[in-house]
Structures are given as C-alpha cells and as structure tokens.
Protein backbone atom coordinates (compact mmCIF):
# COMPACT_ATOMS: atom_id res chain seq x y z
CA MET A 1 120.73 148.85 96.35
CA THR A 2 124.40 149.23 97.27
CA HIS A 3 126.23 150.57 100.31
CA ARG A 4 129.58 152.08 101.18
CA THR A 5 130.16 152.21 104.90
CA PRO A 6 133.28 153.77 106.43
CA VAL A 7 134.87 151.95 109.36
CA LEU A 8 133.30 154.13 112.04
CA ARG A 9 131.14 153.49 115.07
CA PRO A 10 127.35 153.67 114.48
CA ALA A 11 125.49 156.34 116.42
CA LEU A 12 122.53 156.01 118.72
CA ALA A 13 119.71 157.86 117.02
CA ALA A 14 120.06 159.80 113.80
CA LEU A 15 116.69 161.48 113.73
CA VAL A 16 116.53 162.30 117.42
CA MET A 17 120.00 163.79 117.23
CA ALA A 18 118.92 165.97 114.33
CA VAL A 19 115.74 167.11 116.04
CA LEU A 20 117.69 168.19 119.08
CA GLY A 21 120.37 169.90 117.03
CA SER A 22 123.24 167.50 117.62
CA ALA A 23 124.18 166.79 114.03
CA ALA A 24 127.10 169.17 113.84
CA CYS A 25 128.20 172.02 111.67
CA ALA A 26 128.86 171.49 107.99
CA GLN A 27 131.52 173.10 105.84
CA GLN A 28 130.32 175.38 103.09
CA ALA A 29 131.85 175.12 99.64
CA PRO A 30 133.14 178.44 98.27
CA ALA A 31 130.53 180.45 96.41
CA GLY A 32 130.66 179.89 92.69
CA ALA A 33 132.94 176.87 93.00
CA ALA A 34 130.36 174.29 91.91
CA GLU A 35 130.37 173.10 88.31
CA ALA A 36 127.32 172.03 86.33
CA PRO A 37 126.35 168.58 87.63
CA ALA A 38 126.71 165.54 85.43
CA PRO A 39 123.56 163.53 84.65
CA ARG A 40 122.57 161.46 87.67
CA LYS A 41 123.31 157.75 87.45
CA ALA A 42 121.85 156.89 90.86
CA LEU A 43 119.86 158.32 93.74
CA ARG A 44 122.72 158.57 96.24
CA VAL A 45 121.43 158.70 99.80
CA CYS A 46 123.33 159.73 102.94
CA GLN A 47 122.23 157.52 105.81
CA ASP A 48 122.98 156.21 109.28
CA PRO A 49 123.87 152.49 109.06
CA ASN A 50 122.14 151.45 112.32
CA ASN A 51 119.19 153.71 113.02
CA LEU A 52 115.87 151.92 112.67
CA PRO A 53 113.11 152.86 112.21
CA PHE A 54 114.76 155.37 109.86
CA SER A 55 117.59 153.55 108.09
CA ASN A 56 120.02 150.68 108.21
CA THR A 57 122.40 148.89 105.87
CA LYS A 58 119.74 146.29 105.05
CA GLY A 59 117.44 148.99 103.70
CA GLU A 60 114.69 148.22 106.23
CA GLY A 61 113.87 151.73 107.45
CA ILE A 62 111.30 154.39 106.67
CA GLU A 63 113.84 156.52 104.84
CA ASN A 64 115.10 153.51 102.86
CA ARG A 65 111.57 152.76 101.71
CA ILE A 66 110.95 156.36 100.67
CA ALA A 67 114.31 156.48 98.87
CA GLU A 68 113.40 153.34 96.92
CA LEU A 69 110.04 154.93 96.05
CA PHE A 70 111.83 158.02 94.73
CA GLY A 71 114.41 155.93 92.89
CA ARG A 72 111.68 154.09 90.98
CA SER A 73 110.02 157.38 90.09
CA LEU A 74 113.32 158.79 88.82
CA GLY A 75 114.26 155.60 87.00
CA LEU A 76 117.49 155.45 89.01
CA PRO A 77 119.06 152.80 91.23
CA VAL A 78 119.39 153.76 94.90
CA THR A 79 122.82 153.70 96.53
CA TYR A 80 123.75 154.57 100.11
CA TYR A 81 126.72 156.19 101.77
CA SER A 82 126.59 155.28 105.45
CA PHE A 83 127.99 157.30 108.33
CA PRO A 84 126.87 157.51 111.98
CA ASN A 85 124.44 160.38 112.42
CA ARG A 86 126.13 162.09 115.31
CA MET A 87 128.66 164.90 115.39
CA ALA A 88 129.58 166.14 111.90
CA PHE A 89 127.14 163.90 110.01
CA ILE A 90 126.37 166.47 107.31
CA ARG A 91 130.01 167.44 106.93
CA ASN A 92 131.03 163.80 106.51
CA THR A 93 128.28 162.86 104.07
CA LEU A 94 126.33 165.45 102.09
CA ARG A 95 129.11 168.04 102.09
CA MET A 96 132.20 165.82 102.05
CA LYS A 97 134.26 166.65 98.98
CA VAL A 98 137.67 165.10 98.48
CA PRO A 99 139.74 166.79 95.73
CA GLY A 100 139.37 164.88 92.50
CA GLN A 101 136.32 162.97 93.72
CA ASP A 102 132.59 163.54 93.65
CA TYR A 103 130.39 163.94 96.71
CA PRO A 104 129.54 160.48 98.11
CA CYS A 105 125.79 161.19 98.37
CA ASP A 106 123.25 163.82 97.38
CA ILE A 107 120.32 163.72 99.80
CA VAL A 108 119.53 163.25 103.49
CA MET A 109 116.07 161.70 103.78
CA GLY A 110 115.19 162.99 107.25
CA VAL A 111 116.01 166.53 108.48
CA PRO A 112 113.94 168.66 110.87
CA VAL A 113 112.51 171.87 109.45
CA GLY A 114 114.55 174.72 110.87
CA PHE A 115 117.81 172.76 110.90
CA ASP A 116 120.31 175.03 109.15
CA GLN A 117 123.67 173.34 109.67
CA GLY A 118 124.89 173.47 106.09
CA VAL A 119 121.92 171.79 104.42
CA SER A 120 119.14 173.22 102.26
CA ILE A 121 115.80 171.99 103.58
CA THR A 122 112.93 170.89 101.34
CA LYS A 123 109.29 171.37 102.18
CA PRO A 124 108.22 169.01 104.99
CA TYR A 125 106.77 165.61 104.23
CA TYR A 126 105.45 164.71 107.68
CA ARG A 127 104.92 166.08 111.16
CA SER A 128 105.14 163.94 114.27
CA THR A 129 105.57 164.34 118.00
CA TYR A 130 107.19 162.74 120.99
CA ALA A 131 105.14 160.04 122.70
CA LEU A 132 104.72 158.47 126.10
CA VAL A 133 105.02 154.67 125.86
CA LEU A 134 103.43 152.55 128.59
CA PRO A 135 103.17 148.79 129.13
CA ARG A 136 99.72 147.30 129.49
CA GLY A 137 98.98 144.90 132.33
CA LYS A 138 101.34 146.71 134.70
CA GLY A 139 98.85 148.86 136.58
CA LEU A 140 98.67 151.72 134.04
CA ASP A 141 95.92 150.41 131.77
CA ALA A 142 93.55 153.26 132.71
CA VAL A 143 96.02 155.82 131.34
CA GLN A 144 94.85 156.74 127.84
CA THR A 145 96.35 160.24 127.53
CA ALA A 146 99.22 162.27 128.93
CA ASP A 147 96.68 164.12 131.07
CA ASP A 148 95.53 160.81 132.58
CA PHE A 149 99.16 160.05 133.37
CA LEU A 150 99.68 163.35 135.18
CA LYS A 151 96.45 162.81 137.16
CA LEU A 152 97.66 159.55 138.66
CA PRO A 153 97.83 159.63 142.46
CA PRO A 154 101.00 161.48 143.54
CA GLU A 155 102.38 158.43 145.34
CA ARG A 156 101.93 156.36 142.15
CA LEU A 157 103.61 158.97 139.97
CA LYS A 158 106.51 159.27 142.39
CA SER A 159 107.08 155.51 142.21
CA LEU A 160 107.51 155.40 138.43
CA ARG A 161 110.79 155.20 136.53
CA ILE A 162 110.42 157.16 133.29
CA GLY A 163 113.07 156.50 130.65
CA ILE A 164 114.20 159.48 128.57
CA TYR A 165 117.11 160.42 126.35
CA ASP A 166 119.19 163.12 127.98
CA ARG A 167 118.83 166.65 126.58
CA SER A 168 115.54 165.81 124.88
CA PRO A 169 112.23 167.70 125.32
CA ALA A 170 111.21 164.95 127.74
CA THR A 171 113.61 166.38 130.32
CA GLU A 172 111.87 169.76 130.23
CA TRP A 173 108.46 168.10 130.44
CA LEU A 174 109.42 166.12 133.53
CA LYS A 175 110.87 169.25 135.08
CA LYS A 176 107.73 171.25 134.33
CA HIS A 177 105.50 168.66 135.98
CA GLY A 178 107.64 168.00 139.02
CA LEU A 179 108.77 164.55 137.88
CA ILE A 180 112.47 165.13 137.25
CA ASP A 181 113.44 162.70 140.01
CA GLN A 182 111.44 159.99 138.24
CA GLY A 183 113.48 160.41 135.04
CA VAL A 184 115.93 157.68 134.09
CA PRO A 185 118.30 159.29 131.56
CA TYR A 186 119.89 157.35 128.72
CA LYS A 187 122.80 158.69 126.71
CA MET A 188 121.96 160.33 123.43
CA MET A 189 125.45 159.67 122.05
CA ASN A 190 126.71 156.15 122.66
CA ALA A 191 129.94 154.67 121.33
CA ASP A 192 128.64 151.08 121.37
CA PRO A 193 128.37 149.99 117.70
CA ALA A 194 125.44 147.72 118.57
CA GLN A 195 123.41 150.52 120.17
CA TYR A 196 120.22 151.62 118.43
CA PRO A 197 117.49 154.12 119.34
CA GLY A 198 114.74 151.62 120.10
CA GLU A 199 116.62 149.87 122.90
CA ILE A 200 114.95 152.10 125.47
CA ILE A 201 111.64 150.46 124.48
CA GLU A 202 112.55 147.05 123.07
CA LYS A 203 114.93 146.16 125.90
CA GLU A 204 114.56 148.50 128.87
CA LEU A 205 110.78 149.05 128.92
CA ALA A 206 109.88 145.54 127.79
CA ALA A 207 112.11 144.04 130.49
CA GLY A 208 110.67 146.23 133.25
CA ALA A 209 113.88 148.19 133.87
CA ILE A 210 111.72 151.30 133.47
CA ASP A 211 107.95 151.80 133.86
CA ALA A 212 107.43 154.24 130.97
CA ALA A 213 109.44 155.96 128.23
CA ILE A 214 109.20 159.27 126.40
CA VAL A 215 110.76 159.16 122.92
CA TRP A 216 110.39 160.65 119.44
CA GLY A 217 107.15 159.38 117.90
CA PRO A 218 108.52 157.29 115.01
CA ILE A 219 110.76 155.40 117.44
CA ALA A 220 107.84 154.92 119.85
CA GLY A 221 105.45 153.64 117.19
CA TYR A 222 107.86 151.30 115.45
CA TYR A 223 109.26 149.59 118.52
CA ALA A 224 105.88 149.36 120.25
CA GLN A 225 104.77 147.27 117.26
CA ARG A 226 107.78 144.98 117.64
CA VAL A 227 107.32 144.23 121.33
CA ARG A 228 104.81 141.44 121.88
CA GLN A 229 105.01 141.07 125.66
CA PRO A 230 103.96 143.23 127.31
CA ALA A 231 101.66 145.04 124.89
CA LEU A 232 102.69 148.70 124.67
CA ALA A 233 100.49 151.79 124.35
CA VAL A 234 101.79 154.84 122.46
CA LEU A 235 100.32 158.12 123.70
CA PRO A 236 101.30 161.14 121.53
CA LEU A 237 102.30 164.21 123.53
CA ALA A 238 101.12 167.73 122.73
CA SER A 239 103.55 170.62 122.89
CA GLU A 240 103.12 172.89 125.91
CA ASP A 241 104.42 176.29 126.95
CA GLY A 242 108.17 175.84 127.21
CA VAL A 243 108.17 172.31 125.80
CA GLN A 244 108.08 171.59 122.06
CA PHE A 245 107.28 167.97 121.30
CA ASP A 246 106.12 168.18 117.66
CA TYR A 247 108.45 168.66 114.69
CA GLU A 248 108.08 168.79 110.92
CA MET A 249 110.45 166.56 109.00
CA ALA A 250 111.85 167.33 105.58
CA MET A 251 114.72 166.23 103.35
CA GLY A 252 118.05 167.96 102.84
CA VAL A 253 120.24 168.69 99.83
CA ARG A 254 123.32 170.83 99.27
CA TYR A 255 122.97 174.58 98.98
CA GLY A 256 123.14 175.80 95.39
CA GLU A 257 121.45 172.72 93.90
CA ARG A 258 118.15 174.44 93.21
CA GLU A 259 116.92 172.21 90.41
CA TRP A 260 117.66 169.06 92.43
CA LYS A 261 115.78 170.46 95.42
CA GLN A 262 112.80 171.35 93.23
CA GLN A 263 112.83 167.84 91.75
CA ILE A 264 112.79 166.30 95.23
CA GLU A 265 109.98 168.63 96.34
CA GLY A 266 108.03 167.57 93.26
CA LEU A 267 108.42 163.93 94.30
CA ILE A 268 107.34 164.74 97.86
CA ALA A 269 104.15 166.29 96.49
CA ALA A 270 103.47 163.62 93.87
CA LYS A 271 104.15 160.68 96.20
CA GLN A 272 102.55 162.05 99.36
CA ALA A 273 99.94 159.29 99.55
CA ASP A 274 102.63 156.60 99.23
CA ILE A 275 104.84 158.36 101.80
CA GLN A 276 101.95 158.57 104.27
CA ALA A 277 101.22 154.87 103.76
CA ILE A 278 104.84 153.99 104.59
CA LEU A 279 104.79 156.18 107.71
CA LYS A 280 101.55 154.59 108.92
CA GLU A 281 102.91 151.11 108.27
CA PHE A 282 105.80 151.92 110.59
CA GLY A 283 103.44 153.18 113.29
CA VAL A 284 104.51 156.83 113.11
CA PRO A 285 102.15 159.13 115.08
CA LEU A 286 101.18 161.69 112.45
CA LEU A 287 99.94 165.22 113.05
CA ASP A 288 98.34 167.62 110.59
CA PRO A 289 100.83 169.96 108.90
CA ALA A 290 101.64 173.06 110.91
CA PRO A 291 99.99 176.27 109.65
CA GLY A 292 102.10 178.53 107.47
CA ASP A 293 105.11 177.90 105.30
CA ARG A 294 108.09 176.91 107.50
CA ARG A 295 110.48 176.04 104.71
CA ASN A 296 114.03 177.43 104.63
C-alpha cells in the first residue's frame, strides 16, 4: 500500500461533504479524447488523507479496507492518491490530468447516489442515515429513540446543547422541531490540518461541551465505539417530510470507462457479504436498500 499526498491542508469530513454536495465541480475531458487504457498495474484509489472512519494515510478506514478487499480480488496492489475532500476534490483527484501524465487515481470509494459532479456512479453498496448520539449517565438514559428525545419535557429540551455540522440535515431537523436555538454549529470546512470529522463526538460530546450530537451515521457509530467514558448511544434518525437523513453510498469512476465501472460493480455484488461485515465492524448504522434502481 503506497501513498502520494500533495502538500495541502486536510479537510474536515470527506463523506459528509459529499453527501451535502460540497465536493465541487469537476472538469470534463473532451468527448472522444480518451485512448484505450493500458493494463492496470494497481488499484489506484483517490482518498482523503485524514477522514476516519472512511480513509486515512495509514489505511485504517472503511474505504481503505474495502479497497484492499478489491485489490486482492483483482490481484493488484492498492495505491492511494490523497487530497482533502473539500472543494474541487473530484477535479483534483479522479479527473486531474496533467499533459504527458496519467490520472493519479481511478476510483473514489465513497460517493452518494445522485452526486453528479463529474463522476460516474456505480450501484450503491450500502445505505445509512444520520444519527443522534447521546451520552449515558447524564440524565438521558431513558431516551431510546428520536421520538423519546422529542418527548422530553420542554424545559429539559430547551436546556440541551445539540452539536451539529452547519448546513447539514440536522439544521433542518432542529428547525422543524423548534430546537434551532439549542443547536451548536460546527464548521463543515475547517482549515486546521489536524481536524477530523469525529471530533464533535470524541472531543466535544465526550468532554461535555455539548449534550448531544447529530452526525452522519458512519461517523456516529465509529466514534461512539472509540469513546469509553461516557458510554455513548447511537440512535439512527428516520427521514421526515422536508428532512432527508438517509443516503445510499456508491463508488465513483470517470465517465467513459464503462468496462472499469462494470468490473467494480461486479466486485460490489460478489463481495457484498465482506463489505457488510466491514461496515458492521465499524459500527455503521445500516438500512435496507431503497426501493427501485437509483443508479446514474
């Protein structure tokens, strides 16, 4: 497993950014400009270098594990090209083409279905949802569902500090339920190279700076497992009218690479049991696939 990381600042949360549409526009190569690809010598993955539970330069994330699984199946070594998953991620990874050089990577391991910013989406390989994360032993032990949370006495609800990432579905949910003043917003895009998506749970919630957090399910599940004191409960949230919490996640390749996309979709189908085992190991709240075919 090898890495090439440009000297750039890591982003806050690759997957969450993608889900909320903040990975920016990609440049399209001219039609008919692509030549027949050379035989693959490696599975070259585009990744964020500091974005657990999804990826990091140590290869410890969900997407790293799935990439290694695919690499073994293809009989290819896995290499990574790292770039912060924030503005222009696709343009600076999957679609970056310097004259006289090859693309630096060939696949993005986590892209929301419906994301169309210059990437061809595979069939989905999991569906998850945002979750409410609560500490146990802090007066909220009776809360087992989001409905229980909303039925707390009004004076109790009004006293809570609920951590959210700005411009996420959590903002709309708080607004809908009259709790916007209880929201404690955290920046989605942060220039600090040490920042990572789980800080809202591992540092802020665990330390008592906030009383609850609403984050994308894989982040909730993974970091709730890592925090020992206090114990944390992860309560998956159901989508409501005007608030979509659940998303299907797929992989992304370049447009025009039909055979490569079909090969990846074949691996998704063949390795589904292994993929699900990895997701469960990381504590990802998993939902049944959405009805209908939502592929691009």
